[in-house]
Amino acid sequence: MKKLILTYLIVLSVLTVAAVLSLRMAWPEQYPSLLFIIPLFYAVMLGVMVWLKRSNERKGKDRSLFFLTYRVVKILLAIVLLLVYFTAVGTQLLPFAVIFMIYYLCLSAVETVLFMKGEKKS
């Protein structure tokens, strides 16, 4: 689990730096004012993942239940965040959504690879 957390945080940091630099340098007019919400959301999702994993292990349930639960919670919270952002802010919707989706896909790929490696070991 420590390797997953460390890798997740490294990828999250790299994505954040890349998004900020590319938007500030290449498309400053497309920079969403609340871009910091995206890495904050995924940092919270890391905490949710750890909480769900510990909760699942304490109850002695199968690991596949954790994977399913985490994916459902993640997609639901992502949809809620996007809906709240779109209704509350109303500006820079496309850049925010594209950057959010890039984060989502990259971090989901990292999670999937590390979850699969964990399953092979156990």
N, C-alpha and C. Protein backbone atom coordinates (compact mmCIF):
# COMPACT_ATOMS: atom_id res chain seq x y z
N MET A 1 0.82 -1.19 0.00
CA MET A 1 0.00 0.00 0.00
C MET A 1 0.87 1.26 0.00
N LYS A 2 2.02 1.19 0.66
CA LYS A 2 2.91 2.34 0.69
C LYS A 2 3.43 2.69 -0.70
N LYS A 3 3.72 1.65 -1.49
CA LYS A 3 4.19 1.89 -2.85
C LYS A 3 3.10 2.55 -3.69
N LEU A 4 1.87 2.12 -3.51
CA LEU A 4 0.75 2.72 -4.23
C LEU A 4 0.60 4.18 -3.85
N ILE A 5 0.66 4.50 -2.57
CA ILE A 5 0.51 5.88 -2.12
C ILE A 5 1.63 6.75 -2.65
N LEU A 6 2.86 6.27 -2.58
CA LEU A 6 4.00 7.04 -3.07
C LEU A 6 3.91 7.26 -4.57
N THR A 7 3.62 6.22 -5.32
CA THR A 7 3.50 6.35 -6.77
C THR A 7 2.35 7.28 -7.14
N TYR A 8 1.24 7.15 -6.46
CA TYR A 8 0.07 8.00 -6.70
C TYR A 8 0.42 9.47 -6.47
N LEU A 9 1.11 9.76 -5.36
CA LEU A 9 1.48 11.14 -5.07
C LEU A 9 2.50 11.69 -6.06
N ILE A 10 3.41 10.86 -6.51
CA ILE A 10 4.39 11.31 -7.51
C ILE A 10 3.69 11.63 -8.83
N VAL A 11 2.82 10.75 -9.28
CA VAL A 11 2.09 10.99 -10.53
C VAL A 11 1.19 12.22 -10.39
N LEU A 12 0.55 12.36 -9.25
CA LEU A 12 -0.30 13.53 -9.01
C LEU A 12 0.52 14.82 -9.06
N SER A 13 1.70 14.80 -8.48
CA SER A 13 2.57 15.98 -8.49
C SER A 13 3.04 16.31 -9.91
N VAL A 14 3.45 15.30 -10.64
CA VAL A 14 3.91 15.51 -12.03
C VAL A 14 2.78 16.05 -12.89
N LEU A 15 1.60 15.48 -12.75
CA LEU A 15 0.45 15.96 -13.52
C LEU A 15 0.12 17.41 -13.17
N THR A 16 0.20 17.76 -11.91
CA THR A 16 -0.10 19.13 -11.48
C THR A 16 0.90 20.11 -12.06
N VAL A 17 2.18 19.80 -11.95
CA VAL A 17 3.20 20.68 -12.50
C VAL A 17 3.05 20.81 -14.01
N ALA A 18 2.82 19.70 -14.69
CA ALA A 18 2.66 19.73 -16.15
C ALA A 18 1.43 20.55 -16.55
N ALA A 19 0.34 20.38 -15.85
CA ALA A 19 -0.89 21.12 -16.19
C ALA A 19 -0.70 22.61 -15.97
N VAL A 20 -0.14 22.98 -14.85
CA VAL A 20 0.04 24.40 -14.55
C VAL A 20 1.02 25.04 -15.52
N LEU A 21 2.15 24.39 -15.76
CA LEU A 21 3.13 24.96 -16.67
C LEU A 21 2.62 25.06 -18.10
N SER A 22 1.97 24.00 -18.57
CA SER A 22 1.48 24.03 -19.95
C SER A 22 0.38 25.08 -20.13
N LEU A 23 -0.49 25.19 -19.17
CA LEU A 23 -1.55 26.20 -19.29
C LEU A 23 -1.01 27.62 -19.11
N ARG A 24 -0.12 27.82 -18.17
CA ARG A 24 0.44 29.16 -17.94
C ARG A 24 1.30 29.62 -19.12
N MET A 25 2.05 28.70 -19.72
CA MET A 25 2.96 29.09 -20.80
C MET A 25 2.29 29.06 -22.16
N ALA A 26 1.56 28.01 -22.45
CA ALA A 26 1.00 27.85 -23.80
C ALA A 26 -0.35 28.53 -23.96
N TRP A 27 -1.23 28.38 -22.99
CA TRP A 27 -2.59 28.93 -23.10
C TRP A 27 -2.98 29.66 -21.83
N PRO A 28 -2.37 30.79 -21.54
CA PRO A 28 -2.71 31.48 -20.29
C PRO A 28 -4.16 31.96 -20.24
N GLU A 29 -4.76 32.21 -21.37
CA GLU A 29 -6.16 32.65 -21.38
C GLU A 29 -7.12 31.51 -21.05
N GLN A 30 -6.65 30.27 -21.14
CA GLN A 30 -7.48 29.10 -20.85
C GLN A 30 -7.27 28.56 -19.44
N TYR A 31 -6.50 29.25 -18.63
CA TYR A 31 -6.18 28.76 -17.29
C TYR A 31 -7.40 28.92 -16.37
N PRO A 32 -7.98 27.80 -15.90
CA PRO A 32 -9.12 27.90 -14.98
C PRO A 32 -8.68 28.46 -13.63
N SER A 33 -9.45 29.35 -13.09
CA SER A 33 -9.08 29.99 -11.82
C SER A 33 -9.07 29.00 -10.66
N LEU A 34 -9.87 27.96 -10.74
CA LEU A 34 -9.94 26.97 -9.66
C LEU A 34 -9.27 25.66 -10.03
N LEU A 35 -8.17 25.74 -10.75
CA LEU A 35 -7.46 24.53 -11.17
C LEU A 35 -6.94 23.73 -9.98
N PHE A 36 -6.64 24.41 -8.88
CA PHE A 36 -6.12 23.72 -7.70
C PHE A 36 -7.11 22.71 -7.12
N ILE A 37 -8.36 22.80 -7.49
CA ILE A 37 -9.37 21.86 -6.99
C ILE A 37 -9.10 20.44 -7.50
N ILE A 38 -8.56 20.33 -8.70
CA ILE A 38 -8.36 19.00 -9.29
C ILE A 38 -7.34 18.19 -8.49
N PRO A 39 -6.11 18.68 -8.26
CA PRO A 39 -5.19 17.86 -7.45
C PRO A 39 -5.69 17.68 -6.01
N LEU A 40 -6.39 18.66 -5.49
CA LEU A 40 -6.95 18.53 -4.15
C LEU A 40 -7.98 17.40 -4.11
N PHE A 41 -8.83 17.32 -5.13
CA PHE A 41 -9.82 16.25 -5.22
C PHE A 41 -9.14 14.88 -5.24
N TYR A 42 -8.09 14.74 -6.04
CA TYR A 42 -7.42 13.43 -6.13
C TYR A 42 -6.61 13.12 -4.88
N ALA A 43 -6.13 14.11 -4.16
CA ALA A 43 -5.49 13.85 -2.88
C ALA A 43 -6.52 13.33 -1.87
N VAL A 44 -7.72 13.92 -1.89
CA VAL A 44 -8.79 13.43 -1.04
C VAL A 44 -9.18 12.01 -1.44
N MET A 45 -9.20 11.73 -2.74
CA MET A 45 -9.53 10.39 -3.21
C MET A 45 -8.50 9.37 -2.74
N LEU A 46 -7.26 9.79 -2.61
CA LEU A 46 -6.24 8.89 -2.06
C LEU A 46 -6.59 8.54 -0.61
N GLY A 47 -7.02 9.53 0.15
CA GLY A 47 -7.45 9.26 1.52
C GLY A 47 -8.66 8.35 1.57
N VAL A 48 -9.61 8.56 0.65
CA VAL A 48 -10.79 7.70 0.57
C VAL A 48 -10.37 6.27 0.24
N MET A 49 -9.41 6.13 -0.67
CA MET A 49 -8.94 4.80 -1.05
C MET A 49 -8.33 4.09 0.15
N VAL A 50 -7.49 4.77 0.89
CA VAL A 50 -6.86 4.16 2.06
C VAL A 50 -7.92 3.79 3.10
N TRP A 51 -8.88 4.67 3.34
CA TRP A 51 -9.95 4.41 4.29
C TRP A 51 -10.78 3.20 3.88
N LEU A 52 -11.15 3.14 2.58
CA LEU A 52 -11.93 1.99 2.10
C LEU A 52 -11.14 0.69 2.20
N LYS A 53 -9.85 0.75 1.90
CA LYS A 53 -9.02 -0.45 1.97
C LYS A 53 -8.92 -0.96 3.41
N ARG A 54 -8.67 -0.06 4.34
CA ARG A 54 -8.57 -0.46 5.75
C ARG A 54 -9.90 -0.98 6.27
N SER A 55 -10.97 -0.32 5.88
CA SER A 55 -12.30 -0.76 6.29
C SER A 55 -12.61 -2.15 5.75
N ASN A 56 -12.24 -2.38 4.52
CA ASN A 56 -12.46 -3.67 3.88
C ASN A 56 -11.63 -4.76 4.56
N GLU A 57 -10.38 -4.45 4.90
CA GLU A 57 -9.52 -5.44 5.55
C GLU A 57 -10.00 -5.75 6.96
N ARG A 58 -10.49 -4.73 7.70
CA ARG A 58 -10.99 -4.96 9.05
C ARG A 58 -12.20 -5.87 9.07
N LYS A 59 -13.03 -5.74 8.04
CA LYS A 59 -14.23 -6.57 7.97
C LYS A 59 -13.94 -7.94 7.38
N GLY A 60 -12.72 -8.15 6.87
CA GLY A 60 -12.33 -9.44 6.33
C GLY A 60 -12.98 -9.77 5.00
N LYS A 61 -13.32 -8.76 4.24
CA LYS A 61 -13.98 -8.99 2.95
C LYS A 61 -12.95 -9.18 1.85
N ASP A 62 -13.42 -9.69 0.73
CA ASP A 62 -12.57 -9.97 -0.43
C ASP A 62 -12.03 -8.66 -1.01
N ARG A 63 -10.80 -8.72 -1.55
CA ARG A 63 -10.17 -7.53 -2.13
C ARG A 63 -10.92 -7.03 -3.36
N SER A 64 -11.57 -7.92 -4.08
CA SER A 64 -12.29 -7.48 -5.27
C SER A 64 -13.44 -6.55 -4.89
N LEU A 65 -14.02 -6.73 -3.72
CA LEU A 65 -15.07 -5.84 -3.26
C LEU A 65 -14.52 -4.43 -3.04
N PHE A 66 -13.29 -4.35 -2.52
CA PHE A 66 -12.64 -3.04 -2.36
C PHE A 66 -12.47 -2.35 -3.71
N PHE A 67 -11.97 -3.10 -4.70
CA PHE A 67 -11.75 -2.50 -6.02
C PHE A 67 -13.05 -1.96 -6.60
N LEU A 68 -14.10 -2.75 -6.52
CA LEU A 68 -15.40 -2.33 -7.05
C LEU A 68 -15.94 -1.12 -6.30
N THR A 69 -15.87 -1.16 -4.99
CA THR A 69 -16.38 -0.06 -4.18
C THR A 69 -15.62 1.22 -4.47
N TYR A 70 -14.30 1.12 -4.53
CA TYR A 70 -13.48 2.30 -4.76
C TYR A 70 -13.78 2.92 -6.13
N ARG A 71 -13.89 2.12 -7.15
CA ARG A 71 -14.17 2.65 -8.49
C ARG A 71 -15.53 3.34 -8.55
N VAL A 72 -16.52 2.77 -7.92
CA VAL A 72 -17.86 3.38 -7.92
C VAL A 72 -17.83 4.70 -7.16
N VAL A 73 -17.21 4.71 -5.99
CA VAL A 73 -17.12 5.94 -5.20
C VAL A 73 -16.35 7.01 -5.96
N LYS A 74 -15.28 6.61 -6.61
CA LYS A 74 -14.46 7.57 -7.35
C LYS A 74 -15.24 8.21 -8.50
N ILE A 75 -15.94 7.43 -9.28
CA ILE A 75 -16.68 7.99 -10.42
C ILE A 75 -17.83 8.86 -9.94
N LEU A 76 -18.52 8.45 -8.87
CA LEU A 76 -19.62 9.26 -8.35
C LEU A 76 -19.13 10.60 -7.81
N LEU A 77 -18.04 10.59 -7.05
CA LEU A 77 -17.50 11.84 -6.53
C LEU A 77 -16.95 12.72 -7.64
N ALA A 78 -16.40 12.13 -8.69
CA ALA A 78 -15.91 12.90 -9.83
C ALA A 78 -17.08 13.59 -10.55
N ILE A 79 -18.16 12.87 -10.74
CA ILE A 79 -19.34 13.46 -11.39
C ILE A 79 -19.91 14.59 -10.54
N VAL A 80 -19.97 14.39 -9.23
CA VAL A 80 -20.47 15.43 -8.34
C VAL A 80 -19.58 16.67 -8.42
N LEU A 81 -18.27 16.48 -8.39
CA LEU A 81 -17.35 17.62 -8.47
C LEU A 81 -17.55 18.38 -9.78
N LEU A 82 -17.62 17.67 -10.90
CA LEU A 82 -17.81 18.34 -12.18
C LEU A 82 -19.13 19.09 -12.24
N LEU A 83 -20.19 18.48 -11.75
CA LEU A 83 -21.49 19.15 -11.76
C LEU A 83 -21.49 20.41 -10.89
N VAL A 84 -20.90 20.31 -9.72
CA VAL A 84 -20.82 21.47 -8.84
C VAL A 84 -19.98 22.57 -9.49
N TYR A 85 -18.85 22.21 -10.07
CA TYR A 85 -18.00 23.21 -10.73
C TYR A 85 -18.74 23.86 -11.89
N PHE A 86 -19.38 23.06 -12.71
CA PHE A 86 -20.06 23.59 -13.89
C PHE A 86 -21.20 24.54 -13.50
N THR A 87 -21.93 24.21 -12.45
CA THR A 87 -23.04 25.08 -12.05
C THR A 87 -22.57 26.29 -11.24
N ALA A 88 -21.55 26.12 -10.42
CA ALA A 88 -21.11 27.22 -9.56
C ALA A 88 -20.22 28.22 -10.30
N VAL A 89 -19.29 27.73 -11.10
CA VAL A 89 -18.32 28.62 -11.73
C VAL A 89 -18.82 29.10 -13.08
N GLY A 90 -19.10 28.17 -13.97
CA GLY A 90 -19.66 28.51 -15.27
C GLY A 90 -18.69 29.08 -16.28
N THR A 91 -17.42 29.23 -15.94
CA THR A 91 -16.43 29.71 -16.90
C THR A 91 -15.29 28.70 -17.01
N GLN A 92 -14.62 28.72 -18.12
CA GLN A 92 -13.48 27.82 -18.38
C GLN A 92 -13.87 26.36 -18.17
N LEU A 93 -15.05 25.99 -18.64
CA LEU A 93 -15.56 24.63 -18.42
C LEU A 93 -14.77 23.58 -19.20
N LEU A 94 -14.52 23.84 -20.47
CA LEU A 94 -13.83 22.85 -21.29
C LEU A 94 -12.40 22.59 -20.81
N PRO A 95 -11.58 23.62 -20.56
CA PRO A 95 -10.23 23.32 -20.05
C PRO A 95 -10.25 22.57 -18.72
N PHE A 96 -11.16 22.95 -17.83
CA PHE A 96 -11.25 22.27 -16.54
C PHE A 96 -11.63 20.80 -16.74
N ALA A 97 -12.62 20.55 -17.59
CA ALA A 97 -13.08 19.17 -17.82
C ALA A 97 -11.99 18.33 -18.48
N VAL A 98 -11.28 18.90 -19.43
CA VAL A 98 -10.21 18.15 -20.12
C VAL A 98 -9.08 17.81 -19.15
N ILE A 99 -8.67 18.78 -18.36
CA ILE A 99 -7.59 18.54 -17.40
C ILE A 99 -8.05 17.52 -16.35
N PHE A 100 -9.28 17.63 -15.90
CA PHE A 100 -9.82 16.69 -14.93
C PHE A 100 -9.81 15.27 -15.50
N MET A 101 -10.20 15.14 -16.76
CA MET A 101 -10.24 13.82 -17.39
C MET A 101 -8.83 13.25 -17.59
N ILE A 102 -7.87 14.10 -17.90
CA ILE A 102 -6.48 13.63 -18.02
C ILE A 102 -6.00 13.08 -16.68
N TYR A 103 -6.26 13.81 -15.62
CA TYR A 103 -5.92 13.33 -14.28
C TYR A 103 -6.61 11.99 -14.00
N TYR A 104 -7.90 11.94 -14.30
CA TYR A 104 -8.68 10.74 -14.01
C TYR A 104 -8.10 9.53 -14.73
N LEU A 105 -7.82 9.67 -16.01
CA LEU A 105 -7.31 8.54 -16.79
C LEU A 105 -5.91 8.13 -16.34
N CYS A 106 -5.03 9.10 -16.12
CA CYS A 106 -3.66 8.77 -15.71
C CYS A 106 -3.64 8.10 -14.33
N LEU A 107 -4.36 8.66 -13.38
CA LEU A 107 -4.35 8.08 -12.04
C LEU A 107 -5.10 6.75 -11.98
N SER A 108 -6.13 6.59 -12.80
CA SER A 108 -6.81 5.29 -12.86
C SER A 108 -5.89 4.22 -13.44
N ALA A 109 -5.09 4.60 -14.43
CA ALA A 109 -4.13 3.65 -15.00
C ALA A 109 -3.09 3.23 -13.96
N VAL A 110 -2.58 4.19 -13.20
CA VAL A 110 -1.61 3.90 -12.16
C VAL A 110 -2.22 2.99 -11.10
N GLU A 111 -3.43 3.32 -10.66
CA GLU A 111 -4.11 2.49 -9.66
C GLU A 111 -4.32 1.06 -10.17
N THR A 112 -4.78 0.94 -11.40
CA THR A 112 -5.06 -0.38 -11.97
C THR A 112 -3.81 -1.23 -12.04
N VAL A 113 -2.72 -0.65 -12.52
CA VAL A 113 -1.46 -1.40 -12.62
C VAL A 113 -0.99 -1.84 -11.24
N LEU A 114 -1.02 -0.94 -10.29
CA LEU A 114 -0.55 -1.30 -8.95
C LEU A 114 -1.49 -2.26 -8.24
N PHE A 115 -2.80 -2.14 -8.47
CA PHE A 115 -3.74 -3.10 -7.90
C PHE A 115 -3.50 -4.48 -8.50
N MET A 116 -3.26 -4.56 -9.80
CA MET A 116 -3.01 -5.85 -10.45
C MET A 116 -1.73 -6.48 -9.92
N LYS A 117 -0.69 -5.68 -9.73
CA LYS A 117 0.55 -6.21 -9.16
C LYS A 117 0.32 -6.74 -7.75
N GLY A 118 -0.49 -6.03 -6.97
CA GLY A 118 -0.82 -6.47 -5.61
C GLY A 118 -1.59 -7.77 -5.61
N GLU A 119 -2.48 -7.93 -6.57
CA GLU A 119 -3.27 -9.16 -6.67
C GLU A 119 -2.40 -10.35 -7.06
N LYS A 120 -1.42 -10.12 -7.93
CA LYS A 120 -0.54 -11.22 -8.35
C LYS A 120 0.32 -11.71 -7.19
N LYS A 121 0.70 -10.79 -6.30
CA LYS A 121 1.52 -11.18 -5.16
C LYS A 121 0.75 -11.98 -4.13
N SER A 122 -0.56 -11.70 -4.01
CA SER A 122 -1.33 -12.39 -2.97
C SER A 122 -2.11 -13.55 -3.49
